[in-house]
C-alpha atoms as a PDB file:
ATOM      1  CA  MET A   1     122.988 187.891  79.200  1.00  0.00           C
ATOM      2  CA  THR A   2     122.273 188.290  75.515  1.00  0.00           C
ATOM      3  CA  LEU A   3     123.624 191.411  73.846  1.00  0.00           C
ATOM      4  CA  SER A   4     120.168 193.007  73.815  1.00  0.00           C
ATOM      5  CA  HIS A   5     119.799 192.297  77.526  1.00  0.00           C
ATOM      6  CA  LYS A   6     123.201 193.837  78.239  1.00  0.00           C
ATOM      7  CA  ILE A   7     122.271 196.987  76.350  1.00  0.00           C
ATOM      8  CA  GLY A   8     118.898 197.064  78.074  1.00  0.00           C
ATOM      9  CA  GLN A   9     120.499 197.202  81.493  1.00  0.00           C
ATOM     10  CA  MET A  10     122.174 200.477  80.486  1.00  0.00           C
ATOM     11  CA  LEU A  11     118.848 202.092  79.562  1.00  0.00           C
ATOM     12  CA  LEU A  12     116.775 204.126  82.007  1.00  0.00           C
ATOM     13  CA  PHE A  13     113.640 205.274  80.224  1.00  0.00           C
ATOM     14  CA  GLY A  14     110.382 207.092  80.950  1.00  0.00           C
ATOM     15  CA  TRP A  15     106.930 206.300  79.637  1.00  0.00           C
ATOM     16  CA  GLN A  16     103.776 208.113  78.593  1.00  0.00           C
ATOM     17  CA  THR A  17     101.313 205.209  78.342  1.00  0.00           C
ATOM     18  CA  ASP A  18     100.849 201.892  80.128  1.00  0.00           C
ATOM     19  CA  THR A  19     101.661 200.108  76.884  1.00  0.00           C
ATOM     20  CA  GLN A  20     104.961 201.951  76.590  1.00  0.00           C
ATOM     21  CA  ALA A  21     105.873 200.998  80.161  1.00  0.00           C
ATOM     22  CA  THR A  22     105.185 197.348  79.367  1.00  0.00           C
ATOM     23  CA  VAL A  23     107.255 197.202  76.192  1.00  0.00           C
ATOM     24  CA  LEU A  24     110.183 199.005  77.826  1.00  0.00           C
ATOM     25  CA  ILE A  25     110.538 195.949  80.030  1.00  0.00           C
ATOM     26  CA  ASP A  26     109.378 193.196  77.667  1.00  0.00           C
ATOM     27  CA  ASP A  27     111.036 194.378  74.435  1.00  0.00           C
ATOM     28  CA  LEU A  28     113.925 196.662  75.427  1.00  0.00           C
ATOM     29  CA  HIS A  29     114.773 194.860  78.706  1.00  0.00           C
ATOM     30  CA  VAL A  30     115.451 198.202  80.395  1.00  0.00           C
ATOM     31  CA  GLY A  31     117.500 198.326  83.558  1.00  0.00           C
ATOM     32  CA  GLY A  32     115.476 201.176  84.987  1.00  0.00           C
ATOM     33  CA  VAL A  33     112.581 203.571  84.644  1.00  0.00           C
ATOM     34  CA  VAL A  34     112.178 207.244  85.459  1.00  0.00           C
ATOM     35  CA  LEU A  35     108.865 208.715  86.561  1.00  0.00           C
ATOM     36  CA  MET A  36     107.896 212.185  85.415  1.00  0.00           C
ATOM     37  CA  GLY A  37     105.119 214.393  86.741  1.00  0.00           C
ATOM     38  CA  ARG A  38     102.639 212.739  84.366  1.00  0.00           C
ATOM     39  CA  ASN A  39     103.251 209.366  86.051  1.00  0.00           C
ATOM     40  CA  ILE A  40     102.737 210.437  89.669  1.00  0.00           C
ATOM     41  CA  GLN A  41      99.723 208.984  91.475  1.00  0.00           C
ATOM     42  CA  PRO A  42      98.359 209.031  95.033  1.00  0.00           C
ATOM     43  CA  LEU A  43     100.344 206.973  97.519  1.00  0.00           C
ATOM     44  CA  GLY A  44      98.544 203.630  97.282  1.00  0.00           C
ATOM     45  CA  ARG A  45      98.350 203.611  93.496  1.00  0.00           C
ATOM     46  CA  MET A  46     101.935 204.816  93.190  1.00  0.00           C
ATOM     47  CA  LYS A  47     103.224 201.955  95.315  1.00  0.00           C
ATOM     48  CA  ALA A  48     101.173 199.491  93.299  1.00  0.00           C
ATOM     49  CA  THR A  49     102.419 200.841  89.971  1.00  0.00           C
ATOM     50  CA  ILE A  50     106.068 200.610  90.978  1.00  0.00           C
ATOM     51  CA  ALA A  51     105.603 197.167  92.522  1.00  0.00           C
ATOM     52  CA  GLY A  52     103.903 196.044  89.315  1.00  0.00           C
ATOM     53  CA  LEU A  53     106.845 197.203  87.216  1.00  0.00           C
ATOM     54  CA  GLN A  54     109.292 195.367  89.464  1.00  0.00           C
ATOM     55  CA  HIS A  55     107.157 192.231  89.295  1.00  0.00           C
ATOM     56  CA  ARG A  56     107.072 192.409  85.500  1.00  0.00           C
ATOM     57  CA  ALA A  57     110.870 192.726  85.355  1.00  0.00           C
ATOM     58  CA  GLN A  58     111.243 189.766  87.686  1.00  0.00           C
ATOM     59  CA  ALA A  59     108.822 187.681  85.605  1.00  0.00           C
ATOM     60  CA  ALA A  60     110.876 188.528  82.504  1.00  0.00           C
ATOM     61  CA  GLY A  61     114.021 187.242  84.202  1.00  0.00           C
ATOM     62  CA  LEU A  62     115.540 190.704  84.515  1.00  0.00           C
ATOM     63  CA  PRO A  63     117.425 192.169  87.481  1.00  0.00           C
ATOM     64  CA  PRO A  64     115.479 194.564  89.709  1.00  0.00           C
ATOM     65  CA  LEU A  65     114.739 197.923  88.125  1.00  0.00           C
ATOM     66  CA  PHE A  66     116.239 201.222  89.037  1.00  0.00           C
ATOM     67  CA  VAL A  67     113.179 203.375  89.751  1.00  0.00           C
ATOM     68  CA  ALA A  68     114.237 207.001  89.548  1.00  0.00           C
ATOM     69  CA  VAL A  69     112.701 210.439  89.899  1.00  0.00           C
ATOM     70  CA  ASP A  70     113.743 214.093  89.992  1.00  0.00           C
ATOM     71  CA  GLN A  71     112.803 215.003  93.538  1.00  0.00           C
ATOM     72  CA  GLU A  72     115.005 217.957  94.404  1.00  0.00           C
ATOM     73  CA  GLY A  73     112.402 220.146  96.106  1.00  0.00           C
ATOM     74  CA  GLY A  74     111.214 223.545  94.968  1.00  0.00           C
ATOM     75  CA  ARG A  75     110.307 223.771  91.288  1.00  0.00           C
ATOM     76  CA  VAL A  76     111.807 220.379  90.417  1.00  0.00           C
ATOM     77  CA  GLN A  77     109.615 218.161  92.507  1.00  0.00           C
ATOM     78  CA  ARG A  78     107.688 215.427  90.698  1.00  0.00           C
ATOM     79  CA  LEU A  79     105.901 214.309  93.854  1.00  0.00           C
ATOM     80  CA  GLY A  80     104.135 217.303  95.326  1.00  0.00           C
ATOM     81  CA  PRO A  81     100.786 218.652  96.498  1.00  0.00           C
ATOM     82  CA  PRO A  82      98.029 217.604  96.745  1.00  0.00           C
ATOM     83  CA  HIS A  83      99.226 214.050  97.382  1.00  0.00           C
ATOM     84  CA  TYR A  84     102.728 214.724  98.703  1.00  0.00           C
ATOM     85  CA  ALA A  85     104.473 217.340 100.805  1.00  0.00           C
ATOM     86  CA  LYS A  86     105.817 220.562  99.314  1.00  0.00           C
ATOM     87  CA  ARG A  87     109.601 220.658  99.727  1.00  0.00           C
ATOM     88  CA  ALA A  88     111.900 223.632 100.185  1.00  0.00           C
ATOM     89  CA  THR A  89     114.240 224.804  97.438  1.00  0.00           C
ATOM     90  CA  ALA A  90     117.955 224.107  97.662  1.00  0.00           C
ATOM     91  CA  ARG A  91     118.552 227.850  97.938  1.00  0.00           C
ATOM     92  CA  GLU A  92     116.333 228.011 101.031  1.00  0.00           C
ATOM     93  CA  ILE A  93     118.088 225.028 102.568  1.00  0.00           C
ATOM     94  CA  GLY A  94     121.479 226.482 101.670  1.00  0.00           C
ATOM     95  CA  ARG A  95     120.804 229.443 103.942  1.00  0.00           C
ATOM     96  CA  SER A  96     120.599 227.131 106.963  1.00  0.00           C
ATOM     97  CA  SER A  97     123.057 224.339 107.773  1.00  0.00           C
ATOM     98  CA  PRO A  98     124.375 221.030 106.462  1.00  0.00           C
ATOM     99  CA  GLU A  99     122.363 219.305 109.176  1.00  0.00           C
ATOM    100  CA  THR A 100     119.206 220.818 107.703  1.00  0.00           C
ATOM    101  CA  ALA A 101     120.246 219.657 104.225  1.00  0.00           C
ATOM    102  CA  ARG A 102     120.766 216.129 105.491  1.00  0.00           C
ATOM    103  CA  THR A 103     117.424 216.047 107.303  1.00  0.00           C
ATOM    104  CA  ALA A 104     115.591 217.377 104.240  1.00  0.00           C
ATOM    105  CA  ALA A 105     117.186 214.732 102.026  1.00  0.00           C
ATOM    106  CA  GLN A 106     116.436 212.011 104.554  1.00  0.00           C
ATOM    107  CA  GLU A 107     112.766 213.006 104.589  1.00  0.00           C
ATOM    108  CA  ILE A 108     112.559 213.010 100.799  1.00  0.00           C
ATOM    109  CA  GLY A 109     114.472 209.750 100.517  1.00  0.00           C
ATOM    110  CA  THR A 110     112.362 207.997 103.131  1.00  0.00           C
ATOM    111  CA  GLU A 111     109.179 209.005 101.331  1.00  0.00           C
ATOM    112  CA  LEU A 112     110.598 207.772  98.026  1.00  0.00           C
ATOM    113  CA  ARG A 113     111.781 204.481  99.491  1.00  0.00           C
ATOM    114  CA  GLN A 114     108.350 203.803 100.980  1.00  0.00           C
ATOM    115  CA  LEU A 115     106.806 204.236  97.541  1.00  0.00           C
ATOM    116  CA  GLY A 116     109.307 201.937  95.850  1.00  0.00           C
ATOM    117  CA  PHE A 117     111.736 204.451  94.359  1.00  0.00           C
ATOM    118  CA  ASN A 118     115.414 203.660  94.821  1.00  0.00           C
ATOM    119  CA  TRP A 119     117.157 206.525  92.995  1.00  0.00           C
ATOM    120  CA  ASP A 120     116.731 210.280  93.335  1.00  0.00           C
ATOM    121  CA  PHE A 121     118.316 212.567  90.758  1.00  0.00           C
ATOM    122  CA  ALA A 122     119.560 214.890  93.500  1.00  0.00           C
ATOM    123  CA  PRO A 123     121.391 216.748  94.945  1.00  0.00           C
ATOM    124  CA  VAL A 124     122.175 219.547  92.504  1.00  0.00           C
ATOM    125  CA  LEU A 125     125.892 220.275  92.863  1.00  0.00           C
ATOM    126  CA  ASP A 126     125.950 223.240  90.497  1.00  0.00           C
ATOM    127  CA  VAL A 127     127.236 226.524  91.902  1.00  0.00           C
ATOM    128  CA  ASP A 128     124.787 229.396  91.358  1.00  0.00           C
ATOM    129  CA  SER A 129     127.354 231.719  89.798  1.00  0.00           C
ATOM    130  CA  ASN A 130     125.400 233.316  86.945  1.00  0.00           C
ATOM    131  CA  PRO A 131     122.303 235.409  87.747  1.00  0.00           C
ATOM    132  CA  ARG A 132     121.173 235.059  84.119  1.00  0.00           C
ATOM    133  CA  ASN A 133     121.007 231.269  84.403  1.00  0.00           C
ATOM    134  CA  PRO A 134     117.505 230.220  83.288  1.00  0.00           C
ATOM    135  CA  VAL A 135     117.552 226.649  84.561  1.00  0.00           C
ATOM    136  CA  ILE A 136     119.563 226.375  87.827  1.00  0.00           C
ATOM    137  CA  GLY A 137     119.065 229.390  90.107  1.00  0.00           C
ATOM    138  CA  ASP A 138     117.278 228.320  93.282  1.00  0.00           C
ATOM    139  CA  ARG A 139     117.972 224.659  92.501  1.00  0.00           C
ATOM    140  CA  SER A 140     121.526 225.348  93.724  1.00  0.00           C
ATOM    141  CA  TYR A 141     122.513 225.527  97.386  1.00  0.00           C
ATOM    142  CA  GLY A 142     124.303 228.817  96.822  1.00  0.00           C
ATOM    143  CA  THR A 143     126.989 230.906  95.184  1.00  0.00           C
ATOM    144  CA  ASP A 144     129.985 229.683  97.197  1.00  0.00           C
ATOM    145  CA  PRO A 145     131.569 226.414  95.974  1.00  0.00           C
ATOM    146  CA  GLU A 146     132.543 225.247  99.465  1.00  0.00           C
ATOM    147  CA  GLN A 147     129.034 225.919 100.768  1.00  0.00           C
ATOM    148  CA  VAL A 148     127.501 223.964  97.884  1.00  0.00           C
ATOM    149  CA  ALA A 149     129.966 221.152  98.563  1.00  0.00           C
ATOM    150  CA  ALA A 150     129.096 220.962 102.267  1.00  0.00           C
ATOM    151  CA  MET A 151     125.357 221.055 101.623  1.00  0.00           C
ATOM    152  CA  GLY A 152     125.577 218.572  98.770  1.00  0.00           C
ATOM    153  CA  VAL A 153     127.579 216.053 100.779  1.00  0.00           C
ATOM    154  CA  ALA A 154     125.151 216.377 103.685  1.00  0.00           C
ATOM    155  CA  ALA A 155     122.187 215.817 101.367  1.00  0.00           C
ATOM    156  CA  MET A 156     123.930 212.823  99.805  1.00  0.00           C
ATOM    157  CA  ARG A 157     124.319 211.297 103.243  1.00  0.00           C
ATOM    158  CA  GLY A 158     120.662 211.909 103.986  1.00  0.00           C
ATOM    159  CA  PHE A 159     119.667 210.058 100.843  1.00  0.00           C
ATOM    160  CA  GLN A 160     122.161 207.223 100.918  1.00  0.00           C
ATOM    161  CA  GLU A 161     123.078 206.591 104.533  1.00  0.00           C
ATOM    162  CA  ASP A 162     119.773 207.495 106.189  1.00  0.00           C
ATOM    163  CA  ALA A 163     117.136 206.596 103.571  1.00  0.00           C
ATOM    164  CA  ARG A 164     119.030 203.992 101.463  1.00  0.00           C
ATOM    165  CA  VAL A 165     118.276 205.729  98.178  1.00  0.00           C
ATOM    166  CA  LEU A 166     120.926 206.339  95.528  1.00  0.00           C
ATOM    167  CA  ALA A 167     121.924 209.981  95.309  1.00  0.00           C
ATOM    168  CA  CYS A 168     122.917 211.519  91.997  1.00  0.00           C
ATOM    169  CA  GLY A 169     125.065 214.651  91.879  1.00  0.00           C
ATOM    170  CA  LYS A 170     124.323 216.835  88.880  1.00  0.00           C
ATOM    171  CA  HIS A 171     125.105 218.304  86.369  1.00  0.00           C
ATOM    172  CA  PHE A 172     128.806 217.437  85.880  1.00  0.00           C
ATOM    173  CA  PRO A 173     131.104 219.336  85.477  1.00  0.00           C
ATOM    174  CA  GLY A 174     128.670 222.136  86.408  1.00  0.00           C
ATOM    175  CA  HIS A 175     125.621 223.898  84.955  1.00  0.00           C
ATOM    176  CA  GLY A 176     125.652 226.915  87.262  1.00  0.00           C
ATOM    177  CA  ASP A 177     127.446 229.435  85.058  1.00  0.00           C
ATOM    178  CA  THR A 178     125.401 229.302  81.855  1.00  0.00           C
ATOM    179  CA  ASP A 179     122.869 231.706  80.407  1.00  0.00           C
ATOM    180  CA  THR A 180     121.393 228.968  78.191  1.00  0.00           C
ATOM    181  CA  ASP A 181     119.122 226.088  79.191  1.00  0.00           C
ATOM    182  CA  SER A 182     120.472 222.803  77.803  1.00  0.00           C
ATOM    183  CA  HIS A 183     116.895 221.612  77.320  1.00  0.00           C
ATOM    184  CA  PHE A 184     116.681 224.031  74.391  1.00  0.00           C
ATOM    185  CA  ALA A 185     120.241 224.613  73.096  1.00  0.00           C
ATOM    186  CA  LEU A 186     123.886 223.715  73.713  1.00  0.00           C
ATOM    187  CA  PRO A 187     125.428 226.016  76.338  1.00  0.00           C
ATOM    188  CA  ARG A 188     129.129 226.857  76.198  1.00  0.00           C
ATOM    189  CA  ILE A 189     131.370 227.641  79.149  1.00  0.00           C
ATOM    190  CA  THR A 190     134.676 229.282  78.247  1.00  0.00           C
ATOM    191  CA  HIS A 191     136.366 229.516  81.645  1.00  0.00           C
ATOM    192  CA  ASP A 192     139.907 228.189  81.871  1.00  0.00           C
ATOM    193  CA  LEU A 193     140.800 225.021  83.741  1.00  0.00           C
ATOM    194  CA  ALA A 194     141.939 226.868  86.864  1.00  0.00           C
ATOM    195  CA  HIS A 195     138.544 228.549  87.190  1.00  0.00           C
ATOM    196  CA  LEU A 196     136.651 225.286  86.627  1.00  0.00           C
ATOM    197  CA  GLU A 197     138.714 223.518  89.282  1.00  0.00           C
ATOM    198  CA  ALA A 198     138.267 226.375  91.773  1.00  0.00           C
ATOM    199  CA  VAL A 199     134.495 226.719  91.286  1.00  0.00           C
ATOM    200  CA  GLU A 200     132.523 224.168  89.266  1.00  0.00           C
ATOM    201  CA  MET A 201     134.372 221.026  90.308  1.00  0.00           C
ATOM    202  CA  VAL A 202     134.643 221.721  94.041  1.00  0.00           C
ATOM    203  CA  PRO A 203     131.248 220.198  95.005  1.00  0.00           C
ATOM    204  CA  PHE A 204     131.770 217.195  92.731  1.00  0.00           C
ATOM    205  CA  ARG A 205     135.193 216.445  94.209  1.00  0.00           C
ATOM    206  CA  ALA A 206     133.709 216.582  97.703  1.00  0.00           C
ATOM    207  CA  ALA A 207     130.788 214.325  96.771  1.00  0.00           C
ATOM    208  CA  ILE A 208     133.082 211.781  95.131  1.00  0.00           C
ATOM    209  CA  LYS A 209     135.317 211.711  98.203  1.00  0.00           C
ATOM    210  CA  ALA A 210     132.238 211.197 100.397  1.00  0.00           C
ATOM    211  CA  GLY A 211     131.011 208.252  98.314  1.00  0.00           C
ATOM    212  CA  ILE A 212     128.208 209.515  96.093  1.00  0.00           C
ATOM    213  CA  ALA A 213     126.654 206.652  94.136  1.00  0.00           C
ATOM    214  CA  ALA A 214     125.990 208.401  90.828  1.00  0.00           C
ATOM    215  CA  ILE A 215     126.802 211.522  88.847  1.00  0.00           C
ATOM    216  CA  MET A 216     124.717 212.963  86.008  1.00  0.00           C
ATOM    217  CA  THR A 217     126.409 214.578  83.042  1.00  0.00           C
ATOM    218  CA  SER A 218     125.612 217.971  81.555  1.00  0.00           C
ATOM    219  CA  HIS A 219     124.919 218.748  77.904  1.00  0.00           C
ATOM    220  CA  ILE A 220     127.389 221.649  77.980  1.00  0.00           C
ATOM    221  CA  LEU A 221     130.521 222.336  75.965  1.00  0.00           C
ATOM    222  CA  PHE A 222     133.467 223.254  78.213  1.00  0.00           C
ATOM    223  CA  SER A 223     136.045 224.614  75.814  1.00  0.00           C
ATOM    224  CA  ALA A 224     138.944 224.190  78.264  1.00  0.00           C
ATOM    225  CA  LEU A 225     138.132 220.497  78.696  1.00  0.00           C
ATOM    226  CA  ASP A 226     136.943 219.495  75.230  1.00  0.00           C
ATOM    227  CA  PRO A 227     136.603 222.091  72.446  1.00  0.00           C
ATOM    228  CA  THR A 228     134.316 219.951  70.261  1.00  0.00           C
ATOM    229  CA  LEU A 229     132.092 217.699  72.372  1.00  0.00           C
ATOM    230  CA  PRO A 230     129.735 218.479  75.273  1.00  0.00           C
ATOM    231  CA  ALA A 231     130.428 216.743  78.566  1.00  0.00           C
ATOM    232  CA  THR A 232     127.866 213.979  78.003  1.00  0.00           C
ATOM    233  CA  LEU A 233     129.654 212.885  74.820  1.00  0.00           C
ATOM    234  CA  SER A 234     133.261 213.608  75.769  1.00  0.00           C
ATOM    235  CA  PRO A 235     135.778 210.844  76.594  1.00  0.00           C
ATOM    236  CA  ALA A 236     138.131 213.539  77.862  1.00  0.00           C
ATOM    237  CA  ILE A 237     135.568 214.658  80.430  1.00  0.00           C
ATOM    238  CA  LEU A 238     133.801 211.438  81.448  1.00  0.00           C
ATOM    239  CA  THR A 239     136.780 209.070  81.345  1.00  0.00           C
ATOM    240  CA  GLY A 240     139.854 211.285  81.431  1.00  0.00           C
ATOM    241  CA  LEU A 241     138.587 213.754  84.026  1.00  0.00           C
ATOM    242  CA  LEU A 242     135.779 212.143  86.020  1.00  0.00           C
ATOM    243  CA  ARG A 243     136.995 208.531  86.099  1.00  0.00           C
ATOM    244  CA  GLU A 244     140.770 208.842  85.926  1.00  0.00           C
ATOM    245  CA  LYS A 245     141.683 212.230  87.376  1.00  0.00           C
ATOM    246  CA  MET A 246     138.887 212.587  89.940  1.00  0.00           C
ATOM    247  CA  GLY A 247     138.704 208.874  90.765  1.00  0.00           C
ATOM    248  CA  PHE A 248     134.946 208.391  90.484  1.00  0.00           C
ATOM    249  CA  GLY A 249     133.993 204.717  90.523  1.00  0.00           C
ATOM    250  CA  GLY A 250     130.201 204.970  90.680  1.00  0.00           C
ATOM    251  CA  LEU A 251     127.528 205.248  88.021  1.00  0.00           C
ATOM    252  CA  ILE A 252     127.742 207.887  85.312  1.00  0.00           C
ATOM    253  CA  ILE A 253     124.295 208.672  83.933  1.00  0.00           C
ATOM    254  CA  THR A 254     123.525 211.054  81.106  1.00  0.00           C
ATOM    255  CA  ASP A 255     121.009 213.819  81.328  1.00  0.00           C
ATOM    256  CA  ASP A 256     117.983 213.220  79.089  1.00  0.00           C
ATOM    257  CA  LEU A 257     119.245 212.499  75.569  1.00  0.00           C
ATOM    258  CA  GLU A 258     116.154 214.098  74.066  1.00  0.00           C
ATOM    259  CA  MET A 259     117.270 217.514  75.300  1.00  0.00           C
ATOM    260  CA  LYS A 260     118.268 219.819  72.475  1.00  0.00           C
ATOM    261  CA  GLY A 261     121.719 220.379  73.955  1.00  0.00           C
ATOM    262  CA  VAL A 262     122.725 217.063  72.355  1.00  0.00           C
ATOM    263  CA  ALA A 263     119.708 216.022  70.258  1.00  0.00           C
ATOM    264  CA  ASP A 264     119.949 218.983  67.874  1.00  0.00           C
ATOM    265  CA  GLY A 265     123.613 218.460  67.078  1.00  0.00           C
ATOM    266  CA  TRP A 266     123.934 214.682  67.096  1.00  0.00           C
ATOM    267  CA  GLY A 267     120.472 213.136  67.386  1.00  0.00           C
ATOM    268  CA  ALA A 268     119.532 211.134  70.475  1.00  0.00           C
ATOM    269  CA  ALA A 269     120.560 207.766  69.014  1.00  0.00           C
ATOM    270  CA  GLU A 270     124.047 208.859  67.927  1.00  0.00           C
ATOM    271  CA  ALA A 271     124.421 210.771  71.207  1.00  0.00           C
ATOM    272  CA  ALA A 272     123.723 207.535  73.085  1.00  0.00           C
ATOM    273  CA  VAL A 273     126.501 205.742  71.211  1.00  0.00           C
ATOM    274  CA  LEU A 274     128.928 208.608  71.776  1.00  0.00           C
ATOM    275  CA  ALA A 275     128.013 208.732  75.472  1.00  0.00           C
ATOM    276  CA  VAL A 276     128.827 205.042  75.901  1.00  0.00           C
ATOM    277  CA  GLU A 277     132.099 205.545  74.032  1.00  0.00           C
ATOM    278  CA  ALA A 278     132.826 208.465  76.359  1.00  0.00           C
ATOM    279  CA  GLY A 279     132.265 206.372  79.484  1.00  0.00           C
ATOM    280  CA  ALA A 280     128.593 206.699  80.474  1.00  0.00           C
ATOM    281  CA  ASP A 281     127.013 203.712  82.229  1.00  0.00           C
ATOM    282  CA  VAL A 282     123.327 204.619  82.111  1.00  0.00           C
ATOM    283  CA  LEU A 283     121.483 206.393  79.290  1.00  0.00           C
ATOM    284  CA  LEU A 284     118.476 208.509  80.200  1.00  0.00           C
ATOM    285  CA  CYS A 285     115.585 209.073  77.772  1.00  0.00           C
ATOM    286  CA  CYS A 286     112.442 210.327  79.431  1.00  0.00           C
ATOM    287  CA  HIS A 287     109.686 210.605  76.846  1.00  0.00           C
ATOM    288  CA  GLU A 288     109.335 209.322  73.286  1.00  0.00           C
ATOM    289  CA  TRP A 289     109.000 205.648  72.418  1.00  0.00           C
ATOM    290  CA  GLU A 290     110.346 206.102  68.900  1.00  0.00           C
ATOM    291  CA  THR A 291     113.473 207.785  70.266  1.00  0.00           C
ATOM    292  CA  GLN A 292     113.927 205.032  72.829  1.00  0.00           C
ATOM    293  CA  LYS A 293     113.729 202.344  70.159  1.00  0.00           C
ATOM    294  CA  ALA A 294     116.235 204.256  68.034  1.00  0.00           C
ATOM    295  CA  ILE A 295     118.682 204.493  70.946  1.00  0.00           C
ATOM    296  CA  GLN A 296     118.503 200.756  71.610  1.00  0.00           C
ATOM    297  CA  ALA A 297     118.904 199.927  67.923  1.00  0.00           C
ATOM    298  CA  ALA A 298     121.880 202.282  67.517  1.00  0.00           C
ATOM    299  CA  LEU A 299     123.668 200.746  70.488  1.00  0.00           C
ATOM    300  CA  LEU A 300     123.019 197.225  69.252  1.00  0.00           C
ATOM    301  CA  ALA A 301     124.355 198.118  65.802  1.00  0.00           C
ATOM    302  CA  ALA A 302     127.419 199.820  67.294  1.00  0.00           C
ATOM    303  CA  VAL A 303     128.396 196.653  69.147  1.00  0.00           C
ATOM    304  CA  VAL A 304     127.614 194.310  66.256  1.00  0.00           C
ATOM    305  CA  ASN A 305     129.697 196.352  63.814  1.00  0.00           C
ATOM    306  CA  GLY A 306     132.592 196.676  66.252  1.00  0.00           C
ATOM    307  CA  ARG A 307     132.340 200.367  66.980  1.00  0.00           C
ATOM    308  CA  ILE A 308     131.753 199.613  70.682  1.00  0.00           C
ATOM    309  CA  ALA A 309     133.490 196.596  72.192  1.00  0.00           C
ATOM    310  CA  GLU A 310     131.245 194.296  74.196  1.00  0.00           C
ATOM    311  CA  GLY A 311     133.824 194.542  76.955  1.00  0.00           C
ATOM    312  CA  ARG A 312     132.999 198.230  77.224  1.00  0.00           C
ATOM    313  CA  LEU A 313     129.407 197.270  78.026  1.00  0.00           C
ATOM    314  CA  ASP A 314     130.626 194.766  80.603  1.00  0.00           C
ATOM    315  CA  GLU A 315     132.471 197.518  82.481  1.00  0.00           C
ATOM    316  CA  SER A 316     129.234 199.451  82.902  1.00  0.00           C
ATOM    317  CA  LEU A 317     127.215 196.326  83.648  1.00  0.00           C
ATOM    318  CA  ALA A 318     129.538 195.507  86.551  1.00  0.00           C
ATOM    319  CA  ARG A 319     128.956 198.946  88.063  1.00  0.00           C
ATOM    320  CA  ILE A 320     125.210 198.705  87.460  1.00  0.00           C
ATOM    321  CA  ALA A 321     124.996 195.258  89.039  1.00  0.00           C
ATOM    322  CA  ALA A 322     126.998 196.356  92.073  1.00  0.00           C
ATOM    323  CA  ALA A 323     124.738 199.365  92.566  1.00  0.00           C
ATOM    324  CA  LYS A 324     121.618 197.229  92.343  1.00  0.00           C
ATOM    325  CA  VAL A 325     122.945 194.772  94.897  1.00  0.00           C
ATOM    326  CA  ARG A 326     123.825 197.598  97.265  1.00  0.00           C
ATOM    327  CA  TRP A 327     120.816 199.869  96.877  1.00  0.00           C
ATOM    328  CA  ILE A 328     117.860 197.782  95.703  1.00  0.00           C
ATOM    329  CA  SER A 329     118.176 194.481  97.535  1.00  0.00           C
ATOM    330  CA  ASP A 330     116.517 194.578 100.933  1.00  0.00           C
END
């Protein structure tokens, strides 16, 4: 691979126009795409669109694309009525049983797989521990860490083992105890390490032990873990904690780098470089073409000028390639 192709494989980008979708593949050589609500079409057209993107990547000599979506159920459900089924919230499922959680995930995953998706940004592993939280709430399975862990692991198995779709636990190390939405500002969590290990990290530890394929970072500053950098940008959190201490060997993907939790303080392009330095494998940018170009250019410059070693890219590329072989090949 050329350097630009290596960087491209670490990019998972969204699009707003057909032209943007084309140049993501042809010019940026992206390793994956994410579909937002604006991209969702009726079943036949949706299958054709995704198949067309995969064909274009193949024609360009690229590996198969990750094709991802946020399909949690409830209010975060990109595929919904009138063309697709309405899905229950995690809170509703959390009041039942792990078997119900697994069945619900299997149904979602099977629908996604039939359409051509291979990655769902679910389950949410955040513990619903702050009633003032504006962004998690009923997206969480509940207020008890062990309950969230059991439900999350069951859902992961429904996605991965039953439907053959990558699951993605989010938002590490936990977005449940904030009163700020990281889409709009940088939240701060000031709990000590003992509290974080007893609450926030419990579901993530369980999911890692059970074999979850991917974990999404949070744009949150955890003062006990890193007093200066949010999780997405923190080597102490992504490498020191998640990789080394917790033993996670799968894909680390950032939350959307356009979110103000990192974009306001660092800018999306610099945040992308910092995230790679911290240990992220896949960089998510869901919307703007100009921002996507800036991210790719910043990463290219960082490798050329020696800020990021090319060997660092190769570490992520090995994980990406292994995931594609396991989850995309039929």
